[in-house]
C-alpha atoms as a PDB file:
ATOM      1  CA  UNK A   1       1.000   0.187  -8.315  1.00  0.00           C
ATOM      2  CA  UNK A   2       3.128   1.740  -5.578  1.00  0.00           C
ATOM      3  CA  UNK A   3       0.417   3.838  -3.982  1.00  0.00           C
ATOM      4  CA  UNK A   4       0.260   1.373  -1.097  1.00  0.00           C
ATOM      5  CA  UNK A   5       3.621   2.715   0.057  1.00  0.00           C
ATOM      6  CA  UNK A   6       1.769   5.797   1.260  1.00  0.00           C
ATOM      7  CA  UNK A   7      -0.054   3.528   3.699  1.00  0.00           C
ATOM      8  CA  UNK A   8       3.270   2.505   5.199  1.00  0.00           C
ATOM      9  CA  UNK A   9       4.580   6.039   5.720  1.00  0.00           C
ATOM     10  CA  UNK A  10       1.491   7.675   7.244  1.00  0.00           C
ATOM     11  CA  UNK A  11       1.637   6.058  10.721  1.00  0.00           C
ATOM     12  CA  UNK A  12       5.179   7.365  11.184  1.00  0.00           C
ATOM     13  CA  UNK A  13       4.117  10.866  10.124  1.00  0.00           C
ATOM     14  CA  UNK A  14       1.125  10.764  12.453  1.00  0.00           C
ATOM     15  CA  UNK A  15       3.328   9.692  15.372  1.00  0.00           C
ATOM     16  CA  UNK A  16       5.845  12.465  14.618  1.00  0.00           C
ATOM     17  CA  UNK A  17       3.108  15.097  14.532  1.00  0.00           C
ATOM     18  CA  UNK A  18       1.734  13.922  17.880  1.00  0.00           C
ATOM     19  CA  UNK A  19       5.259  13.895  19.333  1.00  0.00           C
ATOM     20  CA  UNK A  20       5.792  17.554  18.458  1.00  0.00           C
ATOM     21  CA  UNK A  21       2.295  18.451  19.657  1.00  0.00           C
ATOM     22  CA  UNK A  22       0.795  19.103  16.216  1.00  0.00           C
ATOM     23  CA  UNK A  23      -2.398  17.133  16.739  1.00  0.00           C
ATOM     24  CA  UNK A  24      -4.273  19.041  14.036  1.00  0.00           C
ATOM     25  CA  UNK A  25      -1.826  17.880  11.357  1.00  0.00           C
ATOM     26  CA  UNK A  26      -1.881  14.358  12.810  1.00  0.00           C
ATOM     27  CA  UNK A  27      -5.675  14.352  12.469  1.00  0.00           C
ATOM     28  CA  UNK A  28      -5.349  15.508   8.851  1.00  0.00           C
ATOM     29  CA  UNK A  29      -2.898  12.682   8.128  1.00  0.00           C
ATOM     30  CA  UNK A  30      -5.387  10.205   9.615  1.00  0.00           C
ATOM     31  CA  UNK A  31      -8.042  11.425   7.177  1.00  0.00           C
ATOM     32  CA  UNK A  32      -5.568  11.170   4.298  1.00  0.00           C
ATOM     33  CA  UNK A  33      -4.711   7.639   5.419  1.00  0.00           C
ATOM     34  CA  UNK A  34      -8.359   6.560   5.287  1.00  0.00           C
ATOM     35  CA  UNK A  35      -8.661   8.068   1.803  1.00  0.00           C
ATOM     36  CA  UNK A  36      -5.492   6.286   0.739  1.00  0.00           C
ATOM     37  CA  UNK A  37      -6.882   2.936   1.895  1.00  0.00           C
ATOM     38  CA  UNK A  38      -9.856   3.518  -0.389  1.00  0.00           C
ATOM     39  CA  UNK A  39      -7.600   4.495  -3.305  1.00  0.00           C
ATOM     40  CA  UNK A  40      -5.467   1.386  -2.898  1.00  0.00           C
ATOM     41  CA  UNK A  41      -8.563  -0.815  -2.580  1.00  0.00           C
ATOM     42  CA  UNK A  42     -10.046   0.669  -5.768  1.00  0.00           C
ATOM     43  CA  UNK A  43      -6.811   0.211  -7.689  1.00  0.00           C
ATOM     44  CA  UNK A  44      -6.494  -3.348  -6.415  1.00  0.00           C
ATOM     45  CA  UNK A  45     -10.068  -4.124  -7.457  1.00  0.00           C
ATOM     46  CA  UNK A  46      -9.389  -2.866 -10.993  1.00  0.00           C
ATOM     47  CA  UNK A  47      -6.086  -4.734 -11.121  1.00  0.00           C
ATOM     48  CA  UNK A  48      -7.795  -7.967 -10.063  1.00  0.00           C
ATOM     49  CA  UNK A  49     -10.572  -7.384 -12.603  1.00  0.00           C
ATOM     50  CA  UNK A  50      -8.107  -6.850 -15.436  1.00  0.00           C
ATOM     51  CA  UNK A  51      -6.060  -9.897 -14.425  1.00  0.00           C
ATOM     52  CA  UNK A  52      -9.254 -11.943 -14.437  1.00  0.00           C
ATOM     53  CA  UNK A  53     -10.209 -10.600 -17.845  1.00  0.00           C
ATOM     54  CA  UNK A  54      -6.775 -11.562 -19.173  1.00  0.00           C
ATOM     55  CA  UNK A  55      -6.810 -14.862 -17.248  1.00  0.00           C
ATOM     56  CA  UNK A  56      -3.639 -13.956 -15.379  1.00  0.00           C
ATOM     57  CA  UNK A  57      -2.800 -14.593 -11.760  1.00  0.00           C
ATOM     58  CA  UNK A  58      -2.918 -11.248  -9.912  1.00  0.00           C
ATOM     59  CA  UNK A  59      -0.106 -12.064  -7.477  1.00  0.00           C
ATOM     60  CA  UNK A  60       2.463 -13.233 -10.002  1.00  0.00           C
ATOM     61  CA  UNK A  61       1.449 -10.478 -12.446  1.00  0.00           C
ATOM     62  CA  UNK A  62       1.935  -7.802  -9.782  1.00  0.00           C
ATOM     63  CA  UNK A  63       5.262  -9.267  -8.661  1.00  0.00           C
ATOM     64  CA  UNK A  64       6.489  -9.410 -12.246  1.00  0.00           C
ATOM     65  CA  UNK A  65       5.532  -5.763 -12.786  1.00  0.00           C
ATOM     66  CA  UNK A  66       7.310  -4.702  -9.592  1.00  0.00           C
ATOM     67  CA  UNK A  67      10.500  -6.609 -10.376  1.00  0.00           C
ATOM     68  CA  UNK A  68      10.452  -5.267 -13.943  1.00  0.00           C
ATOM     69  CA  UNK A  69       9.755  -1.591 -13.262  1.00  0.00           C
ATOM     70  CA  UNK A  70      10.959  -1.000  -9.696  1.00  0.00           C
ATOM     71  CA  UNK A  71      14.669  -0.993  -9.032  1.00  0.00           C
ATOM     72  CA  UNK A  72      15.663  -2.352  -5.656  1.00  0.00           C
ATOM     73  CA  UNK A  73      13.621  -4.312  -3.165  1.00  0.00           C
ATOM     74  CA  UNK A  74      10.393  -3.430  -1.423  1.00  0.00           C
ATOM     75  CA  UNK A  75      11.433  -2.347   2.031  1.00  0.00           C
ATOM     76  CA  UNK A  76       9.555  -2.853   5.267  1.00  0.00           C
ATOM     77  CA  UNK A  77       8.027  -1.727   7.478  1.00  0.00           C
ATOM     78  CA  UNK A  78       4.657  -2.450   5.914  1.00  0.00           C
ATOM     79  CA  UNK A  79       1.439  -1.217   7.468  1.00  0.00           C
ATOM     80  CA  UNK A  80      -0.196  -4.639   7.427  1.00  0.00           C
ATOM     81  CA  UNK A  81      -3.437  -3.409   8.971  1.00  0.00           C
ATOM     82  CA  UNK A  82      -3.950  -0.671   6.362  1.00  0.00           C
ATOM     83  CA  UNK A  83      -2.863  -2.905   3.488  1.00  0.00           C
ATOM     84  CA  UNK A  84      -5.283  -5.601   4.642  1.00  0.00           C
ATOM     85  CA  UNK A  85      -8.056  -3.008   4.887  1.00  0.00           C
ATOM     86  CA  UNK A  86      -7.289  -2.139   1.263  1.00  0.00           C
ATOM     87  CA  UNK A  87      -7.460  -5.872   0.420  1.00  0.00           C
ATOM     88  CA  UNK A  88      -3.804  -5.855  -0.593  1.00  0.00           C
ATOM     89  CA  UNK A  89      -2.517  -8.985   1.102  1.00  0.00           C
ATOM     90  CA  UNK A  90       1.046  -9.796   2.066  1.00  0.00           C
ATOM     91  CA  UNK A  91       1.041 -12.581  -0.552  1.00  0.00           C
ATOM     92  CA  UNK A  92       1.640  -9.844  -3.123  1.00  0.00           C
ATOM     93  CA  UNK A  93       4.549  -7.966  -1.605  1.00  0.00           C
ATOM     94  CA  UNK A  94       6.176 -10.052   1.141  1.00  0.00           C
ATOM     95  CA  UNK A  95       7.876 -12.637  -1.154  1.00  0.00           C
ATOM     96  CA  UNK A  96       9.660  -9.862  -3.044  1.00  0.00           C
ATOM     97  CA  UNK A  97      10.474  -7.607  -0.088  1.00  0.00           C
ATOM     98  CA  UNK A  98      13.955  -7.109   1.294  1.00  0.00           C
END
């Protein structure tokens, strides 16, 4: 459920690695980021499938799960581009972010 947070952190790590001249690690983080997009997309597809099977709205179901099991608010910045690539739209997380 919270794997998408990894998408938000990676750009900052990549920028830090470039800043200190560690381009090899930055390139590795880019590969990890692409993998993470696929992981989030797969999880989102299964979540949507299960919500459909149960005849539940995916957005409200996800928001309810987050507010039930996650303490605090979802904090920006969000990597909108990566989240969109994973088909995890802002409609899910933006209304409950701080």
